[in-house]
Every structure is written in C-alpha cells, then in structure tokens.
PDB file of N, CA and C in Angstrom:
ATOM      1  N   MET A   1      21.773 -40.901   9.504  1.00  0.00           N
ATOM      2  CA  MET A   1      20.869 -40.655  10.900  1.00  0.00           C
ATOM      3  C   MET A   1      21.035 -40.051  12.023  1.00  0.00           C
ATOM      4  N   THR A   2      22.090 -40.360  12.086  1.00  0.00           N
ATOM      5  CA  THR A   2      22.612 -39.261  13.316  1.00  0.00           C
ATOM      6  C   THR A   2      22.220 -37.522  12.848  1.00  0.00           C
ATOM      7  N   LEU A   3      22.305 -37.334  11.501  1.00  0.00           N
ATOM      8  CA  LEU A   3      22.299 -35.851  11.568  1.00  0.00           C
ATOM      9  C   LEU A   3      20.504 -35.674  11.632  1.00  0.00           C
ATOM     10  N   LEU A   4      20.120 -36.319  11.281  1.00  0.00           N
ATOM     11  CA  LEU A   4      18.292 -36.216  11.472  1.00  0.00           C
ATOM     12  C   LEU A   4      17.676 -36.509  12.694  1.00  0.00           C
ATOM     13  N   LEU A   5      18.414 -36.996  13.502  1.00  0.00           N
ATOM     14  CA  LEU A   5      17.950 -37.191  15.405  1.00  0.00           C
ATOM     15  C   LEU A   5      18.850 -35.660  15.756  1.00  0.00           C
ATOM     16  N   ALA A   6      19.807 -35.288  15.365  1.00  0.00           N
ATOM     17  CA  ALA A   6      20.359 -34.008  15.784  1.00  0.00           C
ATOM     18  C   ALA A   6      19.063 -32.777  15.289  1.00  0.00           C
ATOM     19  N   GLU A   7      18.827 -33.196  14.041  1.00  0.00           N
ATOM     20  CA  GLU A   7      17.594 -32.356  13.533  1.00  0.00           C
ATOM     21  C   GLU A   7      16.368 -32.149  14.513  1.00  0.00           C
ATOM     22  N   VAL A   8      16.039 -33.217  14.463  1.00  0.00           N
ATOM     23  CA  VAL A   8      14.574 -33.319  15.394  1.00  0.00           C
ATOM     24  C   VAL A   8      15.222 -32.949  16.963  1.00  0.00           C
ATOM     25  N   ARG A   9      15.853 -32.961  17.604  1.00  0.00           N
ATOM     26  CA  ARG A   9      15.967 -32.755  18.852  1.00  0.00           C
ATOM     27  C   ARG A   9      16.110 -30.984  18.405  1.00  0.00           C
ATOM     28  N   THR A  10      16.499 -30.809  17.864  1.00  0.00           N
ATOM     29  CA  THR A  10      16.714 -29.040  17.629  1.00  0.00           C
ATOM     30  C   THR A  10      16.005 -28.845  17.045  1.00  0.00           C
ATOM     31  N   LEU A  11      14.878 -28.897  16.151  1.00  0.00           N
ATOM     32  CA  LEU A  11      13.906 -28.670  15.760  1.00  0.00           C
ATOM     33  C   LEU A  11      12.425 -28.549  17.061  1.00  0.00           C
ATOM     34  N   LEU A  12      12.578 -29.833  17.932  1.00  0.00           N
ATOM     35  CA  LEU A  12      12.072 -29.991  19.340  1.00  0.00           C
ATOM     36  C   LEU A  12      12.270 -28.608  20.069  1.00  0.00           C
ATOM     37  N   ALA A  13      13.775 -28.427  20.345  1.00  0.00           N
ATOM     38  CA  ALA A  13      14.123 -27.565  21.227  1.00  0.00           C
ATOM     39  C   ALA A  13      13.436 -26.178  21.100  1.00  0.00           C
ATOM     40  N   ALA A  14      13.639 -25.842  19.533  1.00  0.00           N
ATOM     41  CA  ALA A  14      12.823 -24.563  19.069  1.00  0.00           C
ATOM     42  C   ALA A  14      11.256 -24.281  19.068  1.00  0.00           C
ATOM     43  N   ASN A  15      10.794 -25.729  19.298  1.00  0.00           N
ATOM     44  CA  ASN A  15       9.293 -25.575  19.229  1.00  0.00           C
ATOM     45  C   ASN A  15       9.075 -25.482  21.012  1.00  0.00           C
ATOM     46  N   GLU A  16       9.726 -25.898  21.385  1.00  0.00           N
ATOM     47  CA  GLU A  16       9.340 -26.155  23.489  1.00  0.00           C
ATOM     48  C   GLU A  16       9.622 -24.266  23.446  1.00  0.00           C
ATOM     49  N   ALA A  17      10.678 -23.318  23.071  1.00  0.00           N
ATOM     50  CA  ALA A  17      11.091 -22.308  23.555  1.00  0.00           C
ATOM     51  C   ALA A  17      10.177 -21.178  22.877  1.00  0.00           C
ATOM     52  N   LEU A  18       9.299 -21.902  21.619  1.00  0.00           N
ATOM     53  CA  LEU A  18       8.164 -20.685  21.446  1.00  0.00           C
ATOM     54  C   LEU A  18       7.164 -20.913  21.991  1.00  0.00           C
ATOM     55  N   SER A  19       6.924 -22.690  22.323  1.00  0.00           N
ATOM     56  CA  SER A  19       5.601 -22.590  22.911  1.00  0.00           C
ATOM     57  C   SER A  19       6.005 -21.812  24.765  1.00  0.00           C
ATOM     58  N   LYS A  20       6.649 -21.455  25.085  1.00  0.00           N
ATOM     59  CA  LYS A  20       7.091 -21.007  26.324  1.00  0.00           C
ATOM     60  C   LYS A  20       6.445 -19.614  26.021  1.00  0.00           C
ATOM     61  N   ARG A  21       6.872 -18.924  25.142  1.00  0.00           N
ATOM     62  CA  ARG A  21       6.881 -18.078  24.746  1.00  0.00           C
ATOM     63  C   ARG A  21       5.318 -17.808  24.837  1.00  0.00           C
ATOM     64  N   ARG A  22       5.084 -18.348  23.691  1.00  0.00           N
ATOM     65  CA  ARG A  22       3.674 -18.145  24.030  1.00  0.00           C
ATOM     66  C   ARG A  22       2.169 -18.096  25.278  1.00  0.00           C
ATOM     67  N   ARG A  23       2.859 -19.253  25.999  1.00  0.00           N
ATOM     68  CA  ARG A  23       2.385 -19.396  26.998  1.00  0.00           C
ATOM     69  C   ARG A  23       2.583 -18.230  27.750  1.00  0.00           C
ATOM     70  N   ALA A  24       4.117 -17.602  27.769  1.00  0.00           N
ATOM     71  CA  ALA A  24       4.340 -16.508  28.930  1.00  0.00           C
ATOM     72  C   ALA A  24       3.449 -15.405  28.654  1.00  0.00           C
ATOM     73  N   LYS A  25       3.210 -15.286  27.405  1.00  0.00           N
ATOM     74  CA  LYS A  25       2.293 -13.685  26.684  1.00  0.00           C
ATOM     75  C   LYS A  25       0.999 -14.067  27.046  1.00  0.00           C
ATOM     76  N   LYS A  26       0.277 -15.231  27.178  1.00  0.00           N
ATOM     77  CA  LYS A  26      -1.239 -15.509  27.492  1.00  0.00           C
ATOM     78  C   LYS A  26      -1.406 -15.281  28.834  1.00  0.00           C
ATOM     79  N   ALA A  27      -0.652 -15.721  30.042  1.00  0.00           N
ATOM     80  CA  ALA A  27      -0.486 -15.500  31.029  1.00  0.00           C
ATOM     81  C   ALA A  27      -0.518 -14.197  31.433  1.00  0.00           C
ATOM     82  N   ARG A  28       0.560 -13.096  31.095  1.00  0.00           N
ATOM     83  CA  ARG A  28       0.986 -12.010  31.133  1.00  0.00           C
ATOM     84  C   ARG A  28      -0.589 -11.358  31.128  1.00  0.00           C
ATOM     85  N   ILE A  29      -1.198 -11.370  29.839  1.00  0.00           N
ATOM     86  CA  ILE A  29      -2.472 -10.921  29.503  1.00  0.00           C
ATOM     87  C   ILE A  29      -3.867 -11.436  30.974  1.00  0.00           C
ATOM     88  N   ARG A  30      -3.716 -12.120  30.819  1.00  0.00           N
ATOM     89  CA  ARG A  30      -4.560 -12.992  31.643  1.00  0.00           C
ATOM     90  C   ARG A  30      -4.475 -11.801  32.960  1.00  0.00           C
ATOM     91  N   GLN A  31      -3.440 -12.102  33.479  1.00  0.00           N
ATOM     92  CA  GLN A  31      -3.428 -11.352  34.568  1.00  0.00           C
ATOM     93  C   GLN A  31      -3.031  -9.792  34.728  1.00  0.00           C
ATOM     94  N   GLY A  32      -3.166  -9.166  33.506  1.00  0.00           N
ATOM     95  CA  GLY A  32      -3.134  -7.871  33.400  1.00  0.00           C
ATOM     96  C   GLY A  32      -2.354  -7.087  33.234  1.00  0.00           C
ATOM     97  N   GLY A  33      -1.004  -7.661  33.238  1.00  0.00           N
ATOM     98  CA  GLY A  33       0.405  -6.814  33.274  1.00  0.00           C
ATOM     99  C   GLY A  33       0.343  -6.303  31.779  1.00  0.00           C
ATOM    100  N   ALA A  34      -0.071  -6.687  30.647  1.00  0.00           N
ATOM    101  CA  ALA A  34       0.762  -6.310  29.584  1.00  0.00           C
ATOM    102  C   ALA A  34      -0.570  -5.385  28.672  1.00  0.00           C
ATOM    103  N   LEU A  35      -1.584  -5.234  29.100  1.00  0.00           N
ATOM    104  CA  LEU A  35      -2.813  -4.539  28.222  1.00  0.00           C
ATOM    105  C   LEU A  35      -4.166  -4.387  28.922  1.00  0.00           C
ATOM    106  N   THR A  36      -4.478  -3.276  29.247  1.00  0.00           N
ATOM    107  CA  THR A  36      -5.709  -3.680  30.547  1.00  0.00           C
ATOM    108  C   THR A  36      -6.778  -3.265  29.189  1.00  0.00           C
ATOM    109  N   VAL A  37      -7.624  -3.560  29.528  1.00  0.00           N
ATOM    110  CA  VAL A  37      -9.201  -3.565  28.780  1.00  0.00           C
ATOM    111  C   VAL A  37      -9.215  -1.701  28.517  1.00  0.00           C
ATOM    112  N   LYS A  38      -9.208  -1.543  29.177  1.00  0.00           N
ATOM    113  CA  LYS A  38      -9.231   0.359  29.034  1.00  0.00           C
ATOM    114  C   LYS A  38      -8.237   0.631  28.079  1.00  0.00           C
ATOM    115  N   ASP A  39      -6.907   0.160  28.161  1.00  0.00           N
ATOM    116  CA  ASP A  39      -5.889   0.492  27.214  1.00  0.00           C
ATOM    117  C   ASP A  39      -6.342   0.277  25.937  1.00  0.00           C
ATOM    118  N   ALA A  40      -6.911  -1.028  25.722  1.00  0.00           N
ATOM    119  CA  ALA A  40      -6.938  -1.616  24.680  1.00  0.00           C
ATOM    120  C   ALA A  40      -8.625  -0.664  23.897  1.00  0.00           C
ATOM    121  N   GLN A  41      -9.141  -0.426  24.563  1.00  0.00           N
ATOM    122  CA  GLN A  41     -10.379   0.617  24.286  1.00  0.00           C
ATOM    123  C   GLN A  41      -9.917   2.189  23.405  1.00  0.00           C
ATOM    124  N   ASP A  42      -9.293   2.059  24.422  1.00  0.00           N
ATOM    125  CA  ASP A  42      -8.501   3.828  24.209  1.00  0.00           C
ATOM    126  C   ASP A  42      -7.443   3.187  22.731  1.00  0.00           C
ATOM    127  N   ILE A  43      -6.896   2.475  22.260  1.00  0.00           N
ATOM    128  CA  ILE A  43      -6.279   2.188  21.124  1.00  0.00           C
ATOM    129  C   ILE A  43      -7.079   2.102  20.215  1.00  0.00           C
ATOM    130  N   LEU A  44      -8.177   1.370  20.644  1.00  0.00           N
ATOM    131  CA  LEU A  44      -8.835   1.220  19.135  1.00  0.00           C
ATOM    132  C   LEU A  44      -9.728   2.436  18.811  1.00  0.00           C
ATOM    133  N   ALA A  45     -10.397   3.076  20.003  1.00  0.00           N
ATOM    134  CA  ALA A  45     -11.271   4.633  19.655  1.00  0.00           C
ATOM    135  C   ALA A  45     -10.094   5.322  19.138  1.00  0.00           C
ATOM    136  N   GLN A  46      -8.656   5.587  19.063  1.00  0.00           N
ATOM    137  CA  GLN A  46      -7.553   6.460  18.608  1.00  0.00           C
ATOM    138  C   GLN A  46      -7.672   5.849  17.010  1.00  0.00           C
ATOM    139  N   LYS A  47      -7.387   4.642  16.477  1.00  0.00           N
ATOM    140  CA  LYS A  47      -7.436   4.324  15.799  1.00  0.00           C
ATOM    141  C   LYS A  47      -8.765   4.540  14.271  1.00  0.00           C
ATOM    142  N   ASP A  48      -9.774   4.357  15.162  1.00  0.00           N
ATOM    143  CA  ASP A  48     -11.044   4.761  14.412  1.00  0.00           C
ATOM    144  C   ASP A  48     -11.005   6.418  14.122  1.00  0.00           C
ATOM    145  N   VAL A  49     -10.300   7.390  15.316  1.00  0.00           N
ATOM    146  CA  VAL A  49     -10.458   8.595  14.843  1.00  0.00           C
ATOM    147  C   VAL A  49      -9.187   8.338  13.771  1.00  0.00           C
ATOM    148  N   ASN A  50      -8.293   8.027  14.066  1.00  0.00           N
ATOM    149  CA  ASN A  50      -7.316   8.460  13.070  1.00  0.00           C
ATOM    150  C   ASN A  50      -7.806   8.346  11.522  1.00  0.00           C
ATOM    151  N   GLU A  51      -8.355   6.955  11.569  1.00  0.00           N
ATOM    152  CA  GLU A  51      -8.957   6.432   9.917  1.00  0.00           C
ATOM    153  C   GLU A  51      -9.859   7.140   9.556  1.00  0.00           C
ATOM    154  N   GLN A  52     -10.894   8.193  10.695  1.00  0.00           N
ATOM    155  CA  GLN A  52     -12.007   8.949  10.379  1.00  0.00           C
ATOM    156  C   GLN A  52     -11.156  10.528   9.492  1.00  0.00           C
ATOM    157  N   VAL A  53     -10.091  10.944  10.593  1.00  0.00           N
ATOM    158  CA  VAL A  53      -9.255  11.838   9.646  1.00  0.00           C
ATOM    159  C   VAL A  53      -8.979  11.363   8.375  1.00  0.00           C
ATOM    160  N   GLN A  54      -8.069  10.994   8.360  1.00  0.00           N
ATOM    161  CA  GLN A  54      -7.540  10.700   6.921  1.00  0.00           C
ATOM    162  C   GLN A  54      -8.915  10.330   5.847  1.00  0.00           C
ATOM    163  N   HIS A  55      -9.679   9.930   6.199  1.00  0.00           N
ATOM    164  CA  HIS A  55     -10.918   9.796   5.107  1.00  0.00           C
ATOM    165  C   HIS A  55     -11.275  11.238   4.834  1.00  0.00           C
ATOM    166  N   GLU A  56     -11.872  11.893   6.098  1.00  0.00           N
ATOM    167  CA  GLU A  56     -12.187  13.502   5.737  1.00  0.00           C
ATOM    168  C   GLU A  56     -11.301  13.952   5.135  1.00  0.00           C
ATOM    169  N   LYS A  57      -9.815  13.706   4.971  1.00  0.00           N
ATOM    170  CA  LYS A  57      -9.095  14.516   4.367  1.00  0.00           C
ATOM    171  C   LYS A  57      -8.561  14.004   2.801  1.00  0.00           C
ATOM    172  N   ARG A  58      -8.779  12.370   2.497  1.00  0.00           N
ATOM    173  CA  ARG A  58      -8.773  12.671   1.044  1.00  0.00           C
ATOM    174  C   ARG A  58     -10.228  13.197   0.334  1.00  0.00           C
ATOM    175  N   SER A  59     -11.168  12.532   1.501  1.00  0.00           N
ATOM    176  CA  SER A  59     -12.470  13.614   0.819  1.00  0.00           C
ATOM    177  C   SER A  59     -12.690  15.319   0.291  1.00  0.00           C
ATOM    178  N   ARG A  60     -11.419  15.498   1.010  1.00  0.00           N
ATOM    179  CA  ARG A  60     -11.613  17.240   1.277  1.00  0.00           C
ATOM    180  C   ARG A  60     -10.482  17.307   0.076  1.00  0.00           C
ATOM    181  N   GLU A  61      -9.600  16.551  -0.627  1.00  0.00           N
ATOM    182  CA  GLU A  61      -9.060  16.727  -1.530  1.00  0.00           C
ATOM    183  C   GLU A  61      -9.625  16.112  -2.706  1.00  0.00           C
ATOM    184  N   ASP A  62     -10.464  15.151  -2.779  1.00  0.00           N
ATOM    185  CA  ASP A  62     -11.108  14.958  -4.057  1.00  0.00           C
ATOM    186  C   ASP A  62     -11.631  15.990  -4.051  1.00  0.00           C
ATOM    187  N   ARG A  63     -12.809  16.654  -3.172  1.00  0.00           N
ATOM    188  CA  ARG A  63     -13.531  17.702  -3.801  1.00  0.00           C
ATOM    189  C   ARG A  63     -12.917  19.321  -4.376  1.00  0.00           C
ATOM    190  N   GLN A  64     -11.469  19.106  -3.893  1.00  0.00           N
ATOM    191  CA  GLN A  64     -10.912  20.354  -4.119  1.00  0.00           C
ATOM    192  C   GLN A  64     -10.256  19.862  -5.559  1.00  0.00           C
ATOM    193  N   ASN A  65      -9.971  18.780  -6.077  1.00  0.00           N
ATOM    194  CA  ASN A  65      -9.827  18.361  -7.472  1.00  0.00           C
ATOM    195  C   ASN A  65     -11.073  18.241  -8.044  1.00  0.00           C
ATOM    196  N   GLU A  66     -11.979  18.352  -8.112  1.00  0.00           N
ATOM    197  CA  GLU A  66     -13.270  18.098  -8.758  1.00  0.00           C
ATOM    198  C   GLU A  66     -13.380  18.767  -9.877  1.00  0.00           C
ATOM    199  N   GLY A  67     -13.345  20.012 -10.028  1.00  0.00           N
ATOM    200  CA  GLY A  67     -13.534  21.034 -10.643  1.00  0.00           C
ATOM    201  C   GLY A  67     -12.361  21.469 -11.845  1.00  0.00           C
ATOM    202  N   GLN A  68     -11.327  21.042 -11.711  1.00  0.00           N
ATOM    203  CA  GLN A  68     -10.000  20.790 -11.947  1.00  0.00           C
ATOM    204  C   GLN A  68     -10.081  19.750 -13.093  1.00  0.00           C
ATOM    205  N   THR A  69     -10.277  19.981 -14.750  1.00  0.00           N
ATOM    206  CA  THR A  69      -9.955  18.722 -15.347  1.00  0.00           C
ATOM    207  C   THR A  69      -8.635  19.181 -15.894  1.00  0.00           C
ATOM    208  N   ARG A  70      -7.759  18.144 -16.067  1.00  0.00           N
ATOM    209  CA  ARG A  70      -6.921  18.090 -17.407  1.00  0.00           C
ATOM    210  C   ARG A  70      -6.917  18.546 -18.608  1.00  0.00           C
ATOM    211  N   GLY A  71      -6.522  19.195 -19.109  1.00  0.00           N
ATOM    212  CA  GLY A  71      -6.673  19.946 -20.986  1.00  0.00           C
ATOM    213  C   GLY A  71      -6.525  18.726 -20.888  1.00  0.00           C
ATOM    214  N   ARG A  72      -6.406  18.509 -22.688  1.00  0.00           N
ATOM    215  CA  ARG A  72      -6.888  17.288 -23.451  1.00  0.00           C
ATOM    216  C   ARG A  72      -5.219  17.604 -23.840  1.00  0.00           C
ATOM    217  N   ARG A  73      -4.218  16.144 -24.517  1.00  0.00           N
ATOM    218  CA  ARG A  73      -3.234  16.294 -24.686  1.00  0.00           C
ATOM    219  C   ARG A  73      -3.269  15.650 -25.903  1.00  0.00           C
ATOM    220  N   CYS A  74      -1.980  16.222 -27.010  1.00  0.00           N
ATOM    221  CA  CYS A  74      -1.613  15.803 -28.410  1.00  0.00           C
ATOM    222  C   CYS A  74      -1.368  14.529 -27.550  1.00  0.00           C
ATOM    223  N   SER A  75      -2.067  13.438 -28.659  1.00  0.00           N
ATOM    224  CA  SER A  75      -1.490  11.647 -28.514  1.00  0.00           C
ATOM    225  C   SER A  75      -0.035  11.697 -29.403  1.00  0.00           C
ATOM    226  N   THR A  76       0.627  12.364 -30.098  1.00  0.00           N
ATOM    227  CA  THR A  76       1.852  12.094 -30.472  1.00  0.00           C
ATOM    228  C   THR A  76       2.885  12.637 -29.652  1.00  0.00           C
ATOM    229  N   CYS A  77       2.699  13.615 -28.910  1.00  0.00           N
ATOM    230  CA  CYS A  77       4.164  13.965 -28.267  1.00  0.00           C
ATOM    231  C   CYS A  77       3.164  14.037 -26.836  1.00  0.00           C
ATOM    232  N   GLY A  78       2.367  14.255 -26.324  1.00  0.00           N
ATOM    233  CA  GLY A  78       1.753  14.141 -25.203  1.00  0.00           C
ATOM    234  C   GLY A  78       1.669  15.924 -24.636  1.00  0.00           C
ATOM    235  N   ARG A  79       1.602  16.981 -25.295  1.00  0.00           N
ATOM    236  CA  ARG A  79       1.755  18.157 -25.111  1.00  0.00           C
ATOM    237  C   ARG A  79       0.701  18.525 -25.361  1.00  0.00           C
ATOM    238  N   THR A  80      -0.026  19.692 -24.406  1.00  0.00           N
ATOM    239  CA  THR A  80      -1.262  20.638 -24.767  1.00  0.00           C
ATOM    240  C   THR A  80      -1.180  21.628 -25.410  1.00  0.00           C
ATOM    241  N   GLY A  81      -2.150  21.961 -25.683  1.00  0.00           N
ATOM    242  CA  GLY A  81      -2.360  23.206 -26.692  1.00  0.00           C
ATOM    243  C   GLY A  81      -2.355  22.718 -28.508  1.00  0.00           C
ATOM    244  N   HIS A  82      -2.493  21.715 -28.755  1.00  0.00           N
ATOM    245  CA  HIS A  82      -2.341  21.282 -30.137  1.00  0.00           C
ATOM    246  C   HIS A  82      -2.679  19.925 -29.921  1.00  0.00           C
ATOM    247  N   TYR A  83      -3.258  19.216 -31.008  1.00  0.00           N
ATOM    248  CA  TYR A  83      -3.420  17.873 -31.135  1.00  0.00           C
ATOM    249  C   TYR A  83      -2.988  16.604 -32.127  1.00  0.00           C
ATOM    250  N   ALA A  84      -3.020  16.024 -32.359  1.00  0.00           N
ATOM    251  CA  ALA A  84      -2.153  14.893 -33.198  1.00  0.00           C
ATOM    252  C   ALA A  84      -1.592  15.532 -34.721  1.00  0.00           C
ATOM    253  N   PRO A  85      -2.853  15.660 -35.494  1.00  0.00           N
ATOM    254  CA  PRO A  85      -2.767  16.481 -36.913  1.00  0.00           C
ATOM    255  C   PRO A  85      -2.025  17.790 -36.454  1.00  0.00           C
ATOM    256  N   ARG A  86      -1.916  18.071 -35.554  1.00  0.00           N
ATOM    257  CA  ARG A  86      -1.199  19.683 -36.165  1.00  0.00           C
ATOM    258  C   ARG A  86       0.315  19.662 -35.138  1.00  0.00           C
ATOM    259  N   CYS A  87       0.231  18.360 -34.668  1.00  0.00           N
ATOM    260  CA  CYS A  87       1.736  18.174 -33.950  1.00  0.00           C
ATOM    261  C   CYS A  87       2.435  18.829 -34.541  1.00  0.00           C
ATOM    262  N   PRO A  88       3.986  19.794 -33.966  1.00  0.00           N
ATOM    263  CA  PRO A  88       4.710  20.532 -34.904  1.00  0.00           C
ATOM    264  C   PRO A  88       6.097  19.376 -34.943  1.00  0.00           C
ATOM    265  N   LYS A  89       5.855  17.682 -33.975  1.00  0.00           N
ATOM    266  CA  LYS A  89       6.724  16.995 -34.072  1.00  0.00           C
ATOM    267  C   LYS A  89       6.238  15.555 -35.302  1.00  0.00           C
ATOM    268  N   ALA A  90       4.718  16.087 -35.507  1.00  0.00           N
ATOM    269  CA  ALA A  90       4.930  14.462 -35.964  1.00  0.00           C
ATOM    270  C   ALA A  90       5.705  14.772 -37.882  1.00  0.00           C
ATOM    271  N   VAL A  91       5.933  13.617 -38.148  1.00  0.00           N
ATOM    272  CA  VAL A  91       6.624  13.650 -39.066  1.00  0.00           C
ATOM    273  C   VAL A  91       5.581  13.304 -40.158  1.00  0.00           C
ATOM    274  N   ASN A  92       6.528  13.508 -40.950  1.00  0.00           N
ATOM    275  CA  ASN A  92       5.507  13.605 -42.561  1.00  0.00           C
ATOM    276  C   ASN A  92       5.788  12.524 -43.303  1.00  0.00           C
ATOM    277  N   VAL A  93       5.165  11.850 -43.383  1.00  0.00           N
ATOM    278  CA  VAL A  93       5.259  10.457 -44.088  1.00  0.00           C
ATOM    279  C   VAL A  93       4.679  10.630 -45.027  1.00  0.00           C
ATOM    280  N   SER A  94       5.536  10.922 -46.328  1.00  0.00           N
ATOM    281  CA  SER A  94       4.802  10.667 -47.897  1.00  0.00           C
ATOM    282  C   SER A  94       5.354   9.123 -48.452  1.00  0.00           C
ATOM    283  N   SER A  95       4.246   8.946 -49.194  1.00  0.00           N
ATOM    284  CA  SER A  95       4.124   7.460 -49.828  1.00  0.00           C
ATOM    285  C   SER A  95       4.642   7.757 -51.136  1.00  0.00           C
ATOM    286  N   PRO A  96       5.197   6.649 -51.675  1.00  0.00           N
ATOM    287  CA  PRO A  96       6.164   6.373 -52.988  1.00  0.00           C
ATOM    288  C   PRO A  96       5.125   7.319 -53.943  1.00  0.00           C
ATOM    289  N   LEU A  97       4.271   7.371 -54.386  1.00  0.00           N
ATOM    290  CA  LEU A  97       3.214   7.448 -55.272  1.00  0.00           C
ATOM    291  C   LEU A  97       2.742   9.149 -55.090  1.00  0.00           C
ATOM    292  N   ASP A  98       3.226   9.960 -54.452  1.00  0.00           N
ATOM    293  CA  ASP A  98       2.903  11.858 -53.920  1.00  0.00           C
ATOM    294  C   ASP A  98       4.435  12.202 -55.318  1.00  0.00           C
ATOM    295  N   SER A  99       5.448  10.782 -54.885  1.00  0.00           N
ATOM    296  CA  SER A  99       6.446  11.834 -55.208  1.00  0.00           C
ATOM    297  C   SER A  99       6.635  11.561 -57.192  1.00  0.00           C
ATOM    298  N   LYS A 100       5.952  11.382 -57.314  1.00  0.00           N
ATOM    299  CA  LYS A 100       5.376  11.315 -59.142  1.00  0.00           C
ATOM    300  C   LYS A 100       4.853  12.580 -59.803  1.00  0.00           C
TER     301      LYS A 100
END
C-alpha cells in the first residue's frame, strides 16, 4: 500500500510539473514573447514556398525521365539484349523420354 501511495505522489508531481510547463508556454504566446503573428506567417509562407519548389523539382525530373523507357529484360537472368528462350544462362532440362 505504501508503494502505491508513493507512486501516486510521484505521478501527481510529474503531472503538476507538466501542467506548469504547458501553462507557461501558453502565457508566453499570449504575451507575444514566443512568436509573433508576422513571424508565424513568414514561417508558413516559407514552408509553402519550399513545398512548391520541391513539387516543381519532382515534376521536372518526371518530365526528363518521361521519354526514357527501360529496355526489356530476360526473365531468367535479368539482363537486357535477349529473352528467356535464348538466355545463355538457361539450363537445358531434357526429359527422360528424350534420351531413348
């Protein structure tokens, strides 16, 4: 029982400390100490610009790769230049009936 009471006291103290930190952050924001509206708008605008630049960069790369198709590959070895029936690495499997 004593252990439970000690744990409850510890949790209450931790909860109170967390609540104080949260209240302090909110009070600082209300007083204009942490972040002004203009600063927040500047940050959001910069974030939008960065997203737009990344989008344009991706679309430019997509357009560059658009005309380039990859050559077909052999399904046996994965190399280009031949297909599975003519693969040099293909193993010829002969059936027991062929040996007669």
